[in-house]
Amino acid sequence: MLLVGTSDKNRKFFPVGIAVTVSEATDDFLFIFESLKKSYRQEYPGQEYDPNVVVGDSAEAISSAADHAFNHRTRVHCWSPVIRNVDKNLVKVKNPDIRQSIWHDIEQLQLAKSEAEFDV
């Protein structure tokens, strides 16, 4: 099951659709994105649904579908799966100071406002 929604500038989430799929393939996400665009055109004739940001887990299928469906967008990865993965792997770092330093660096990366800032 895939939940699709939008959020406002106050970060409030509004669900707009649910899809049930056998897999999470590019075609599945492309179908969802194209359905959103079609519904938007019906609701707002003459306007195109083209979000600035697409958020999801790190699945390549989401990025690929978003590349095909939308013109200009930023791809953002959900933070919660990153946290879980980092927590799972940071236990391997025995020194607590180094572990904390790594966490700090990751938090700073997450706050980058652009790809160039992230790269720096």
PDB file of N, CA and C in Angstrom:
ATOM      1  N   MET A   1       0.845  -1.163   0.000  1.00  0.00           N
ATOM      2  CA  MET A   1       0.000   0.000   0.000  1.00  0.00           C
ATOM      3  C   MET A   1       0.897   1.235   0.000  1.00  0.00           C
ATOM      4  N   LEU A   2       0.592   2.163  -0.858  1.00  0.00           N
ATOM      5  CA  LEU A   2       1.343   3.408  -0.958  1.00  0.00           C
ATOM      6  C   LEU A   2       0.406   4.565  -0.633  1.00  0.00           C
ATOM      7  N   LEU A   3       0.822   5.423   0.263  1.00  0.00           N
ATOM      8  CA  LEU A   3       0.049   6.592   0.642  1.00  0.00           C
ATOM      9  C   LEU A   3       0.662   7.804  -0.033  1.00  0.00           C
ATOM     10  N   VAL A   4      -0.165   8.562  -0.717  1.00  0.00           N
ATOM     11  CA  VAL A   4       0.288   9.749  -1.434  1.00  0.00           C
ATOM     12  C   VAL A   4      -0.408  10.955  -0.836  1.00  0.00           C
ATOM     13  N   GLY A   5       0.347  12.035  -0.654  1.00  0.00           N
ATOM     14  CA  GLY A   5      -0.259  13.232  -0.094  1.00  0.00           C
ATOM     15  C   GLY A   5       0.573  14.460  -0.382  1.00  0.00           C
ATOM     16  N   THR A   6       0.136  15.538   0.182  1.00  0.00           N
ATOM     17  CA  THR A   6       0.834  16.809   0.025  1.00  0.00           C
ATOM     18  C   THR A   6       0.925  17.459   1.400  1.00  0.00           C
ATOM     19  N   SER A   7       1.776  18.439   1.535  1.00  0.00           N
ATOM     20  CA  SER A   7       1.867  19.165   2.794  1.00  0.00           C
ATOM     21  C   SER A   7       1.873  20.658   2.522  1.00  0.00           C
ATOM     22  N   ASP A   8       1.457  21.416   3.514  1.00  0.00           N
ATOM     23  CA  ASP A   8       1.443  22.865   3.374  1.00  0.00           C
ATOM     24  C   ASP A   8       2.704  23.463   3.989  1.00  0.00           C
ATOM     25  N   LYS A   9       2.799  24.794   3.980  1.00  0.00           N
ATOM     26  CA  LYS A   9       4.011  25.440   4.486  1.00  0.00           C
ATOM     27  C   LYS A   9       4.192  25.251   5.982  1.00  0.00           C
ATOM     28  N   ASN A  10       3.138  24.822   6.677  1.00  0.00           N
ATOM     29  CA  ASN A  10       3.240  24.525   8.105  1.00  0.00           C
ATOM     30  C   ASN A  10       3.569  23.055   8.359  1.00  0.00           C
ATOM     31  N   ARG A  11       3.897  22.345   7.303  1.00  0.00           N
ATOM     32  CA  ARG A  11       4.277  20.932   7.348  1.00  0.00           C
ATOM     33  C   ARG A  11       3.135  20.012   7.764  1.00  0.00           C
ATOM     34  N   LYS A  12       1.909  20.449   7.568  1.00  0.00           N
ATOM     35  CA  LYS A  12       0.756  19.588   7.830  1.00  0.00           C
ATOM     36  C   LYS A  12       0.541  18.710   6.601  1.00  0.00           C
ATOM     37  N   PHE A  13       0.395  17.406   6.836  1.00  0.00           N
ATOM     38  CA  PHE A  13       0.259  16.438   5.753  1.00  0.00           C
ATOM     39  C   PHE A  13      -1.214  16.220   5.426  1.00  0.00           C
ATOM     40  N   PHE A  14      -1.531  16.190   4.143  1.00  0.00           N
ATOM     41  CA  PHE A  14      -2.878  15.948   3.659  1.00  0.00           C
ATOM     42  C   PHE A  14      -2.851  14.758   2.695  1.00  0.00           C
ATOM     43  N   PRO A  15      -3.379  13.604   3.113  1.00  0.00           N
ATOM     44  CA  PRO A  15      -3.402  12.457   2.201  1.00  0.00           C
ATOM     45  C   PRO A  15      -4.367  12.719   1.054  1.00  0.00           C
ATOM     46  N   VAL A  16      -3.953  12.350  -0.158  1.00  0.00           N
ATOM     47  CA  VAL A  16      -4.809  12.552  -1.332  1.00  0.00           C
ATOM     48  C   VAL A  16      -5.054  11.266  -2.106  1.00  0.00           C
ATOM     49  N   GLY A  17      -4.335  10.206  -1.777  1.00  0.00           N
ATOM     50  CA  GLY A  17      -4.558   8.968  -2.498  1.00  0.00           C
ATOM     51  C   GLY A  17      -3.862   7.784  -1.859  1.00  0.00           C
ATOM     52  N   ILE A  18      -4.405   6.620  -2.149  1.00  0.00           N
ATOM     53  CA  ILE A  18      -3.828   5.365  -1.698  1.00  0.00           C
ATOM     54  C   ILE A  18      -3.766   4.442  -2.901  1.00  0.00           C
ATOM     55  N   ALA A  19      -2.660   3.740  -3.046  1.00  0.00           N
ATOM     56  CA  ALA A  19      -2.523   2.769  -4.129  1.00  0.00           C
ATOM     57  C   ALA A  19      -2.095   1.435  -3.543  1.00  0.00           C
ATOM     58  N   VAL A  20      -2.673   0.381  -4.062  1.00  0.00           N
ATOM     59  CA  VAL A  20      -2.286  -0.963  -3.664  1.00  0.00           C
ATOM     60  C   VAL A  20      -1.556  -1.577  -4.846  1.00  0.00           C
ATOM     61  N   THR A  21      -0.320  -1.994  -4.614  1.00  0.00           N
ATOM     62  CA  THR A  21       0.492  -2.547  -5.694  1.00  0.00           C
ATOM     63  C   THR A  21       1.097  -3.879  -5.268  1.00  0.00           C
ATOM     64  N   VAL A  22       1.461  -4.665  -6.257  1.00  0.00           N
ATOM     65  CA  VAL A  22       2.153  -5.916  -5.990  1.00  0.00           C
ATOM     66  C   VAL A  22       3.630  -5.642  -5.748  1.00  0.00           C
ATOM     67  N   SER A  23       4.137  -4.614  -6.398  1.00  0.00           N
ATOM     68  CA  SER A  23       5.545  -4.235  -6.244  1.00  0.00           C
ATOM     69  C   SER A  23       5.615  -2.716  -6.149  1.00  0.00           C
ATOM     70  N   GLU A  24       6.800  -2.231  -5.956  1.00  0.00           N
ATOM     71  CA  GLU A  24       7.011  -0.785  -5.955  1.00  0.00           C
ATOM     72  C   GLU A  24       7.917  -0.443  -7.127  1.00  0.00           C
ATOM     73  N   ALA A  25       7.408  -0.683  -8.318  1.00  0.00           N
ATOM     74  CA  ALA A  25       8.177  -0.459  -9.539  1.00  0.00           C
ATOM     75  C   ALA A  25       7.952   0.963 -10.054  1.00  0.00           C
ATOM     76  N   THR A  26       8.823   1.397 -10.933  1.00  0.00           N
ATOM     77  CA  THR A  26       8.718   2.726 -11.531  1.00  0.00           C
ATOM     78  C   THR A  26       7.336   2.941 -12.136  1.00  0.00           C
ATOM     79  N   ASP A  27       6.820   1.933 -12.843  1.00  0.00           N
ATOM     80  CA  ASP A  27       5.497   2.071 -13.470  1.00  0.00           C
ATOM     81  C   ASP A  27       4.395   2.309 -12.441  1.00  0.00           C
ATOM     82  N   ASP A  28       4.517   1.706 -11.258  1.00  0.00           N
ATOM     83  CA  ASP A  28       3.520   1.923 -10.205  1.00  0.00           C
ATOM     84  C   ASP A  28       3.515   3.383  -9.756  1.00  0.00           C
ATOM     85  N   PHE A  29       4.689   3.921  -9.510  1.00  0.00           N
ATOM     86  CA  PHE A  29       4.784   5.311  -9.076  1.00  0.00           C
ATOM     87  C   PHE A  29       4.410   6.272 -10.201  1.00  0.00           C
ATOM     88  N   LEU A  30       4.783   5.924 -11.422  1.00  0.00           N
ATOM     89  CA  LEU A  30       4.425   6.765 -12.560  1.00  0.00           C
ATOM     90  C   LEU A  30       2.903   6.824 -12.706  1.00  0.00           C
ATOM     91  N   PHE A  31       2.227   5.696 -12.529  1.00  0.00           N
ATOM     92  CA  PHE A  31       0.766   5.672 -12.585  1.00  0.00           C
ATOM     93  C   PHE A  31       0.178   6.606 -11.525  1.00  0.00           C
ATOM     94  N   ILE A  32       0.714   6.548 -10.306  1.00  0.00           N
ATOM     95  CA  ILE A  32       0.231   7.406  -9.221  1.00  0.00           C
ATOM     96  C   ILE A  32       0.448   8.878  -9.561  1.00  0.00           C
ATOM     97  N   PHE A  33       1.653   9.211 -10.008  1.00  0.00           N
ATOM     98  CA  PHE A  33       1.962  10.609 -10.329  1.00  0.00           C
ATOM     99  C   PHE A  33       1.089  11.123 -11.479  1.00  0.00           C
ATOM    100  N   GLU A  34       0.905  10.304 -12.507  1.00  0.00           N
ATOM    101  CA  GLU A  34       0.078  10.718 -13.649  1.00  0.00           C
ATOM    102  C   GLU A  34      -1.382  10.852 -13.221  1.00  0.00           C
ATOM    103  N   SER A  35      -1.839  10.005 -12.312  1.00  0.00           N
ATOM    104  CA  SER A  35      -3.210  10.113 -11.797  1.00  0.00           C
ATOM    105  C   SER A  35      -3.394  11.413 -11.028  1.00  0.00           C
ATOM    106  N   LEU A  36      -2.397  11.774 -10.232  1.00  0.00           N
ATOM    107  CA  LEU A  36      -2.455  13.051  -9.515  1.00  0.00           C
ATOM    108  C   LEU A  36      -2.538  14.222 -10.490  1.00  0.00           C
ATOM    109  N   LYS A  37      -1.734  14.165 -11.526  1.00  0.00           N
ATOM    110  CA  LYS A  37      -1.734  15.240 -12.516  1.00  0.00           C
ATOM    111  C   LYS A  37      -3.087  15.339 -13.214  1.00  0.00           C
ATOM    112  N   LYS A  38      -3.663  14.175 -13.560  1.00  0.00           N
ATOM    113  CA  LYS A  38      -4.963  14.148 -14.237  1.00  0.00           C
ATOM    114  C   LYS A  38      -6.053  14.718 -13.338  1.00  0.00           C
ATOM    115  N   SER A  39      -6.073  14.308 -12.082  1.00  0.00           N
ATOM    116  CA  SER A  39      -7.070  14.821 -11.130  1.00  0.00           C
ATOM    117  C   SER A  39      -6.934  16.331 -10.946  1.00  0.00           C
ATOM    118  N   TYR A  40      -5.705  16.799 -10.893  1.00  0.00           N
ATOM    119  CA  TYR A  40      -5.447  18.231 -10.714  1.00  0.00           C
ATOM    120  C   TYR A  40      -5.966  19.019 -11.914  1.00  0.00           C
ATOM    121  N   ARG A  41      -5.709  18.499 -13.130  1.00  0.00           N
ATOM    122  CA  ARG A  41      -6.188  19.179 -14.345  1.00  0.00           C
ATOM    123  C   ARG A  41      -7.715  19.253 -14.365  1.00  0.00           C
ATOM    124  N   GLN A  42      -8.378  18.193 -13.858  1.00  0.00           N
ATOM    125  CA  GLN A  42      -9.840  18.192 -13.815  1.00  0.00           C
ATOM    126  C   GLN A  42     -10.347  19.224 -12.804  1.00  0.00           C
ATOM    127  N   GLU A  43      -9.662  19.322 -11.685  1.00  0.00           N
ATOM    128  CA  GLU A  43     -10.070  20.255 -10.632  1.00  0.00           C
ATOM    129  C   GLU A  43      -9.709  21.700 -10.980  1.00  0.00           C
ATOM    130  N   TYR A  44      -8.557  21.885 -11.633  1.00  0.00           N
ATOM    131  CA  TYR A  44      -8.061  23.223 -11.974  1.00  0.00           C
ATOM    132  C   TYR A  44      -7.715  23.267 -13.462  1.00  0.00           C
ATOM    133  N   PRO A  45      -8.737  23.394 -14.327  1.00  0.00           N
ATOM    134  CA  PRO A  45      -8.491  23.395 -15.778  1.00  0.00           C
ATOM    135  C   PRO A  45      -7.460  24.445 -16.181  1.00  0.00           C
ATOM    136  N   GLY A  46      -6.583  24.040 -17.072  1.00  0.00           N
ATOM    137  CA  GLY A  46      -5.562  24.945 -17.571  1.00  0.00           C
ATOM    138  C   GLY A  46      -4.323  25.023 -16.704  1.00  0.00           C
ATOM    139  N   GLN A  47      -4.333  24.363 -15.562  1.00  0.00           N
ATOM    140  CA  GLN A  47      -3.170  24.372 -14.681  1.00  0.00           C
ATOM    141  C   GLN A  47      -2.547  22.978 -14.641  1.00  0.00           C
ATOM    142  N   GLU A  48      -1.258  22.949 -14.418  1.00  0.00           N
ATOM    143  CA  GLU A  48      -0.518  21.684 -14.383  1.00  0.00           C
ATOM    144  C   GLU A  48      -0.019  21.416 -12.971  1.00  0.00           C
ATOM    145  N   TYR A  49      -0.186  20.185 -12.501  1.00  0.00           N
ATOM    146  CA  TYR A  49       0.356  19.779 -11.207  1.00  0.00           C
ATOM    147  C   TYR A  49       1.825  19.439 -11.397  1.00  0.00           C
ATOM    148  N   ASP A  50       2.693  20.232 -10.808  1.00  0.00           N
ATOM    149  CA  ASP A  50       4.130  20.031 -10.952  1.00  0.00           C
ATOM    150  C   ASP A  50       4.805  20.431  -9.638  1.00  0.00           C
ATOM    151  N   PRO A  51       4.876  19.493  -8.682  1.00  0.00           N
ATOM    152  CA  PRO A  51       5.414  19.840  -7.362  1.00  0.00           C
ATOM    153  C   PRO A  51       6.883  20.220  -7.406  1.00  0.00           C
ATOM    154  N   ASN A  52       7.284  21.057  -6.471  1.00  0.00           N
ATOM    155  CA  ASN A  52       8.686  21.461  -6.351  1.00  0.00           C
ATOM    156  C   ASN A  52       9.532  20.375  -5.710  1.00  0.00           C
ATOM    157  N   VAL A  53       8.921  19.591  -4.818  1.00  0.00           N
ATOM    158  CA  VAL A  53       9.653  18.592  -4.046  1.00  0.00           C
ATOM    159  C   VAL A  53       8.879  17.280  -4.049  1.00  0.00           C
ATOM    160  N   VAL A  54       9.600  16.185  -4.229  1.00  0.00           N
ATOM    161  CA  VAL A  54       9.024  14.846  -4.105  1.00  0.00           C
ATOM    162  C   VAL A  54       9.757  14.158  -2.958  1.00  0.00           C
ATOM    163  N   VAL A  55       8.991  13.702  -1.954  1.00  0.00           N
ATOM    164  CA  VAL A  55       9.560  13.059  -0.775  1.00  0.00           C
ATOM    165  C   VAL A  55       9.167  11.592  -0.770  1.00  0.00           C
ATOM    166  N   GLY A  56      10.095  10.735  -0.444  1.00  0.00           N
ATOM    167  CA  GLY A  56       9.805   9.310  -0.338  1.00  0.00           C
ATOM    168  C   GLY A  56      11.008   8.581   0.213  1.00  0.00           C
ATOM    169  N   ASP A  57      10.878   7.267   0.321  1.00  0.00           N
ATOM    170  CA  ASP A  57      12.050   6.516   0.762  1.00  0.00           C
ATOM    171  C   ASP A  57      13.091   6.553  -0.358  1.00  0.00           C
ATOM    172  N   SER A  58      14.163   5.869  -0.190  1.00  0.00           N
ATOM    173  CA  SER A  58      15.283   5.975  -1.134  1.00  0.00           C
ATOM    174  C   SER A  58      15.135   5.093  -2.366  1.00  0.00           C
ATOM    175  N   ALA A  59      13.949   4.617  -2.636  1.00  0.00           N
ATOM    176  CA  ALA A  59      13.731   3.742  -3.788  1.00  0.00           C
ATOM    177  C   ALA A  59      14.005   4.479  -5.098  1.00  0.00           C
ATOM    178  N   GLU A  60      14.815   3.874  -5.933  1.00  0.00           N
ATOM    179  CA  GLU A  60      15.134   4.442  -7.240  1.00  0.00           C
ATOM    180  C   GLU A  60      13.880   4.569  -8.099  1.00  0.00           C
ATOM    181  N   ALA A  61      12.910   3.676  -7.884  1.00  0.00           N
ATOM    182  CA  ALA A  61      11.676   3.704  -8.680  1.00  0.00           C
ATOM    183  C   ALA A  61      10.920   5.020  -8.499  1.00  0.00           C
ATOM    184  N   ILE A  62      10.931   5.573  -7.289  1.00  0.00           N
ATOM    185  CA  ILE A  62      10.258   6.852  -7.046  1.00  0.00           C
ATOM    186  C   ILE A  62      10.967   7.964  -7.812  1.00  0.00           C
ATOM    187  N   SER A  63      12.284   8.000  -7.721  1.00  0.00           N
ATOM    188  CA  SER A  63      13.052   9.036  -8.423  1.00  0.00           C
ATOM    189  C   SER A  63      12.854   8.942  -9.927  1.00  0.00           C
ATOM    190  N   SER A  64      12.903   7.739 -10.457  1.00  0.00           N
ATOM    191  CA  SER A  64      12.744   7.541 -11.896  1.00  0.00           C
ATOM    192  C   SER A  64      11.359   7.989 -12.359  1.00  0.00           C
ATOM    193  N   ALA A  65      10.322   7.607 -11.624  1.00  0.00           N
ATOM    194  CA  ALA A  65       8.962   8.001 -11.994  1.00  0.00           C
ATOM    195  C   ALA A  65       8.786   9.514 -11.893  1.00  0.00           C
ATOM    196  N   ALA A  66       9.334  10.123 -10.847  1.00  0.00           N
ATOM    197  CA  ALA A  66       9.231  11.575 -10.688  1.00  0.00           C
ATOM    198  C   ALA A  66       9.957  12.293 -11.824  1.00  0.00           C
ATOM    199  N   ASP A  67      11.101  11.757 -12.262  1.00  0.00           N
ATOM    200  CA  ASP A  67      11.825  12.350 -13.389  1.00  0.00           C
ATOM    201  C   ASP A  67      10.972  12.357 -14.656  1.00  0.00           C
ATOM    202  N   HIS A  68      10.197  11.294 -14.854  1.00  0.00           N
ATOM    203  CA  HIS A  68       9.345  11.203 -16.043  1.00  0.00           C
ATOM    204  C   HIS A  68       8.076  12.051 -15.922  1.00  0.00           C
ATOM    205  N   ALA A  69       7.542  12.168 -14.721  1.00  0.00           N
ATOM    206  CA  ALA A  69       6.232  12.812 -14.550  1.00  0.00           C
ATOM    207  C   ALA A  69       6.298  14.322 -14.366  1.00  0.00           C
ATOM    208  N   PHE A  70       7.368  14.819 -13.758  1.00  0.00           N
ATOM    209  CA  PHE A  70       7.410  16.223 -13.381  1.00  0.00           C
ATOM    210  C   PHE A  70       8.578  16.933 -14.041  1.00  0.00           C
ATOM    211  N   ASN A  71       8.406  18.253 -14.230  1.00  0.00           N
ATOM    212  CA  ASN A  71       9.428  19.039 -14.907  1.00  0.00           C
ATOM    213  C   ASN A  71      10.620  19.341 -14.007  1.00  0.00           C
ATOM    214  N   HIS A  72      10.422  20.198 -13.048  1.00  0.00           N
ATOM    215  CA  HIS A  72      11.508  20.626 -12.170  1.00  0.00           C
ATOM    216  C   HIS A  72      11.143  20.245 -10.744  1.00  0.00           C
ATOM    217  N   ARG A  73      11.961  19.429 -10.147  1.00  0.00           N
ATOM    218  CA  ARG A  73      11.653  19.022  -8.782  1.00  0.00           C
ATOM    219  C   ARG A  73      12.922  18.653  -8.048  1.00  0.00           C
ATOM    220  N   THR A  74      12.821  18.717  -6.743  1.00  0.00           N
ATOM    221  CA  THR A  74      13.895  18.282  -5.865  1.00  0.00           C
ATOM    222  C   THR A  74      13.460  16.972  -5.247  1.00  0.00           C
ATOM    223  N   ARG A  75      14.338  16.021  -5.187  1.00  0.00           N
ATOM    224  CA  ARG A  75      14.029  14.714  -4.604  1.00  0.00           C
ATOM    225  C   ARG A  75      14.563  14.696  -3.182  1.00  0.00           C
ATOM    226  N   VAL A  76      13.693  14.493  -2.210  1.00  0.00           N
ATOM    227  CA  VAL A  76      14.066  14.461  -0.804  1.00  0.00           C
ATOM    228  C   VAL A  76      13.767  13.074  -0.262  1.00  0.00           C
ATOM    229  N   HIS A  77      14.694  12.553   0.495  1.00  0.00           N
ATOM    230  CA  HIS A  77      14.516  11.231   1.081  1.00  0.00           C
ATOM    231  C   HIS A  77      13.964  11.372   2.491  1.00  0.00           C
ATOM    232  N   CYS A  78      13.022  10.498   2.831  1.00  0.00           N
ATOM    233  CA  CYS A  78      12.445  10.508   4.185  1.00  0.00           C
ATOM    234  C   CYS A  78      13.551  10.372   5.215  1.00  0.00           C
ATOM    235  N   TRP A  79      13.418  11.114   6.274  1.00  0.00           N
ATOM    236  CA  TRP A  79      14.433  11.129   7.317  1.00  0.00           C
ATOM    237  C   TRP A  79      14.342   9.905   8.226  1.00  0.00           C
ATOM    238  N   SER A  80      13.129   9.401   8.495  1.00  0.00           N
ATOM    239  CA  SER A  80      12.995   8.301   9.459  1.00  0.00           C
ATOM    240  C   SER A  80      13.708   7.017   9.030  1.00  0.00           C
ATOM    241  N   PRO A  81      13.665   6.594   7.754  1.00  0.00           N
ATOM    242  CA  PRO A  81      14.444   5.405   7.389  1.00  0.00           C
ATOM    243  C   PRO A  81      15.954   5.629   7.530  1.00  0.00           C
ATOM    244  N   VAL A  82      16.392   6.864   7.283  1.00  0.00           N
ATOM    245  CA  VAL A  82      17.811   7.181   7.443  1.00  0.00           C
ATOM    246  C   VAL A  82      18.208   7.019   8.908  1.00  0.00           C
ATOM    247  N   ILE A  83      17.398   7.572   9.807  1.00  0.00           N
ATOM    248  CA  ILE A  83      17.691   7.479  11.238  1.00  0.00           C
ATOM    249  C   ILE A  83      17.797   6.013  11.674  1.00  0.00           C
ATOM    250  N   ARG A  84      16.826   5.212  11.262  1.00  0.00           N
ATOM    251  CA  ARG A  84      16.847   3.790  11.642  1.00  0.00           C
ATOM    252  C   ARG A  84      18.105   3.095  11.129  1.00  0.00           C
ATOM    253  N   ASN A  85      18.478   3.384   9.907  1.00  0.00           N
ATOM    254  CA  ASN A  85      19.661   2.765   9.314  1.00  0.00           C
ATOM    255  C   ASN A  85      20.937   3.229  10.009  1.00  0.00           C
ATOM    256  N   VAL A  86      21.016   4.512  10.307  1.00  0.00           N
ATOM    257  CA  VAL A  86      22.191   5.045  10.996  1.00  0.00           C
ATOM    258  C   VAL A  86      22.299   4.436  12.394  1.00  0.00           C
ATOM    259  N   ASP A  87      21.184   4.407  13.120  1.00  0.00           N
ATOM    260  CA  ASP A  87      21.190   3.815  14.465  1.00  0.00           C
ATOM    261  C   ASP A  87      21.680   2.374  14.429  1.00  0.00           C
ATOM    262  N   LYS A  88      21.201   1.636  13.441  1.00  0.00           N
ATOM    263  CA  LYS A  88      21.569   0.225  13.316  1.00  0.00           C
ATOM    264  C   LYS A  88      23.074   0.062  13.088  1.00  0.00           C
ATOM    265  N   ASN A  89      23.663   0.982  12.355  1.00  0.00           N
ATOM    266  CA  ASN A  89      25.077   0.858  12.014  1.00  0.00           C
ATOM    267  C   ASN A  89      26.019   1.579  12.969  1.00  0.00           C
ATOM    268  N   LEU A  90      25.539   2.613  13.643  1.00  0.00           N
ATOM    269  CA  LEU A  90      26.416   3.362  14.544  1.00  0.00           C
ATOM    270  C   LEU A  90      26.800   2.572  15.787  1.00  0.00           C
ATOM    271  N   VAL A  91      26.059   1.542  16.124  1.00  0.00           N
ATOM    272  CA  VAL A  91      26.441   0.724  17.288  1.00  0.00           C
ATOM    273  C   VAL A  91      27.792   0.055  17.066  1.00  0.00           C
ATOM    274  N   LYS A  92      28.211  -0.033  15.821  1.00  0.00           N
ATOM    275  CA  LYS A  92      29.512  -0.629  15.494  1.00  0.00           C
ATOM    276  C   LYS A  92      30.665   0.292  15.872  1.00  0.00           C
ATOM    277  N   VAL A  93      30.373   1.593  16.038  1.00  0.00           N
ATOM    278  CA  VAL A  93      31.403   2.559  16.426  1.00  0.00           C
ATOM    279  C   VAL A  93      31.467   2.556  17.947  1.00  0.00           C
ATOM    280  N   LYS A  94      32.550   2.065  18.488  1.00  0.00           N
ATOM    281  CA  LYS A  94      32.659   1.870  19.936  1.00  0.00           C
ATOM    282  C   LYS A  94      32.907   3.157  20.713  1.00  0.00           C
ATOM    283  N   ASN A  95      33.628   4.093  20.130  1.00  0.00           N
ATOM    284  CA  ASN A  95      33.958   5.346  20.812  1.00  0.00           C
ATOM    285  C   ASN A  95      32.739   6.277  20.795  1.00  0.00           C
ATOM    286  N   PRO A  96      32.171   6.616  21.969  1.00  0.00           N
ATOM    287  CA  PRO A  96      30.967   7.459  21.997  1.00  0.00           C
ATOM    288  C   PRO A  96      31.183   8.863  21.443  1.00  0.00           C
ATOM    289  N   ASP A  97      32.388   9.403  21.581  1.00  0.00           N
ATOM    290  CA  ASP A  97      32.655  10.740  21.036  1.00  0.00           C
ATOM    291  C   ASP A  97      32.630  10.721  19.507  1.00  0.00           C
ATOM    292  N   ILE A  98      33.222   9.700  18.932  1.00  0.00           N
ATOM    293  CA  ILE A  98      33.219   9.574  17.469  1.00  0.00           C
ATOM    294  C   ILE A  98      31.792   9.323  16.982  1.00  0.00           C
ATOM    295  N   ARG A  99      31.067   8.462  17.702  1.00  0.00           N
ATOM    296  CA  ARG A  99      29.673   8.166  17.340  1.00  0.00           C
ATOM    297  C   ARG A  99      28.846   9.455  17.337  1.00  0.00           C
ATOM    298  N   GLN A 100      29.011  10.279  18.364  1.00  0.00           N
ATOM    299  CA  GLN A 100      28.281  11.550  18.451  1.00  0.00           C
ATOM    300  C   GLN A 100      28.691  12.502  17.331  1.00  0.00           C
ATOM    301  N   SER A 101      29.973  12.515  17.005  1.00  0.00           N
ATOM    302  CA  SER A 101      30.464  13.374  15.925  1.00  0.00           C
ATOM    303  C   SER A 101      29.857  12.957  14.574  1.00  0.00           C
ATOM    304  N   ILE A 102      29.770  11.674  14.354  1.00  0.00           N
ATOM    305  CA  ILE A 102      29.160  11.177  13.106  1.00  0.00           C
ATOM    306  C   ILE A 102      27.689  11.596  13.044  1.00  0.00           C
ATOM    307  N   TRP A 103      26.965  11.428  14.159  1.00  0.00           N
ATOM    308  CA  TRP A 103      25.563  11.840  14.201  1.00  0.00           C
ATOM    309  C   TRP A 103      25.426  13.327  13.896  1.00  0.00           C
ATOM    310  N   HIS A 104      26.298  14.129  14.481  1.00  0.00           N
ATOM    311  CA  HIS A 104      26.258  15.580  14.239  1.00  0.00           C
ATOM    312  C   HIS A 104      26.452  15.881  12.749  1.00  0.00           C
ATOM    313  N   ASP A 105      27.427  15.226  12.132  1.00  0.00           N
ATOM    314  CA  ASP A 105      27.685  15.441  10.702  1.00  0.00           C
ATOM    315  C   ASP A 105      26.471  15.056   9.855  1.00  0.00           C
ATOM    316  N   ILE A 106      25.845  13.943  10.182  1.00  0.00           N
ATOM    317  CA  ILE A 106      24.669  13.492   9.424  1.00  0.00           C
ATOM    318  C   ILE A 106      23.517  14.482   9.588  1.00  0.00           C
ATOM    319  N   GLU A 107      23.317  14.971  10.790  1.00  0.00           N
ATOM    320  CA  GLU A 107      22.267  15.967  11.015  1.00  0.00           C
ATOM    321  C   GLU A 107      22.537  17.237  10.208  1.00  0.00           C
ATOM    322  N   GLN A 108      23.782  17.644  10.131  1.00  0.00           N
ATOM    323  CA  GLN A 108      24.125  18.833   9.352  1.00  0.00           C
ATOM    324  C   GLN A 108      23.875  18.608   7.866  1.00  0.00           C
ATOM    325  N   LEU A 109      24.204  17.419   7.372  1.00  0.00           N
ATOM    326  CA  LEU A 109      23.942  17.102   5.965  1.00  0.00           C
ATOM    327  C   LEU A 109      22.451  17.181   5.653  1.00  0.00           C
ATOM    328  N   GLN A 110      21.642  16.687   6.572  1.00  0.00           N
ATOM    329  CA  GLN A 110      20.199  16.670   6.377  1.00  0.00           C
ATOM    330  C   GLN A 110      19.635  18.077   6.271  1.00  0.00           C
ATOM    331  N   LEU A 111      20.300  19.050   6.870  1.00  0.00           N
ATOM    332  CA  LEU A 111      19.818  20.429   6.869  1.00  0.00           C
ATOM    333  C   LEU A 111      20.303  21.242   5.669  1.00  0.00           C
ATOM    334  N   ALA A 112      21.111  20.634   4.801  1.00  0.00           N
ATOM    335  CA  ALA A 112      21.645  21.359   3.644  1.00  0.00           C
ATOM    336  C   ALA A 112      20.498  21.915   2.806  1.00  0.00           C
ATOM    337  N   LYS A 113      20.639  23.166   2.384  1.00  0.00           N
ATOM    338  CA  LYS A 113      19.590  23.843   1.619  1.00  0.00           C
ATOM    339  C   LYS A 113      19.736  23.661   0.113  1.00  0.00           C
ATOM    340  N   SER A 114      20.846  23.081  -0.312  1.00  0.00           N
ATOM    341  CA  SER A 114      21.058  22.861  -1.740  1.00  0.00           C
ATOM    342  C   SER A 114      22.008  21.683  -1.920  1.00  0.00           C
ATOM    343  N   GLU A 115      22.060  21.183  -3.131  1.00  0.00           N
ATOM    344  CA  GLU A 115      22.985  20.080  -3.427  1.00  0.00           C
ATOM    345  C   GLU A 115      24.429  20.548  -3.282  1.00  0.00           C
ATOM    346  N   ALA A 116      24.704  21.789  -3.683  1.00  0.00           N
ATOM    347  CA  ALA A 116      26.066  22.320  -3.543  1.00  0.00           C
ATOM    348  C   ALA A 116      26.477  22.407  -2.074  1.00  0.00           C
ATOM    349  N   GLU A 117      25.559  22.860  -1.221  1.00  0.00           N
ATOM    350  CA  GLU A 117      25.852  22.937   0.207  1.00  0.00           C
ATOM    351  C   GLU A 117      26.065  21.547   0.783  1.00  0.00           C
ATOM    352  N   PHE A 118      25.264  20.595   0.339  1.00  0.00           N
ATOM    353  CA  PHE A 118      25.416  19.204   0.794  1.00  0.00           C
ATOM    354  C   PHE A 118      26.805  18.681   0.408  1.00  0.00           C
ATOM    355  N   ASP A 119      27.231  18.943  -0.821  1.00  0.00           N
ATOM    356  CA  ASP A 119      28.530  18.460  -1.300  1.00  0.00           C
ATOM    357  C   ASP A 119      29.681  19.042  -0.507  1.00  0.00           C
ATOM    358  N   VAL A 120      29.564  20.329  -0.121  1.00  0.00           N
ATOM    359  CA  VAL A 120      30.620  20.968   0.682  1.00  0.00           C
ATOM    360  C   VAL A 120      30.720  20.277   2.017  1.00  0.00           C
TER     361      VAL A 120
END
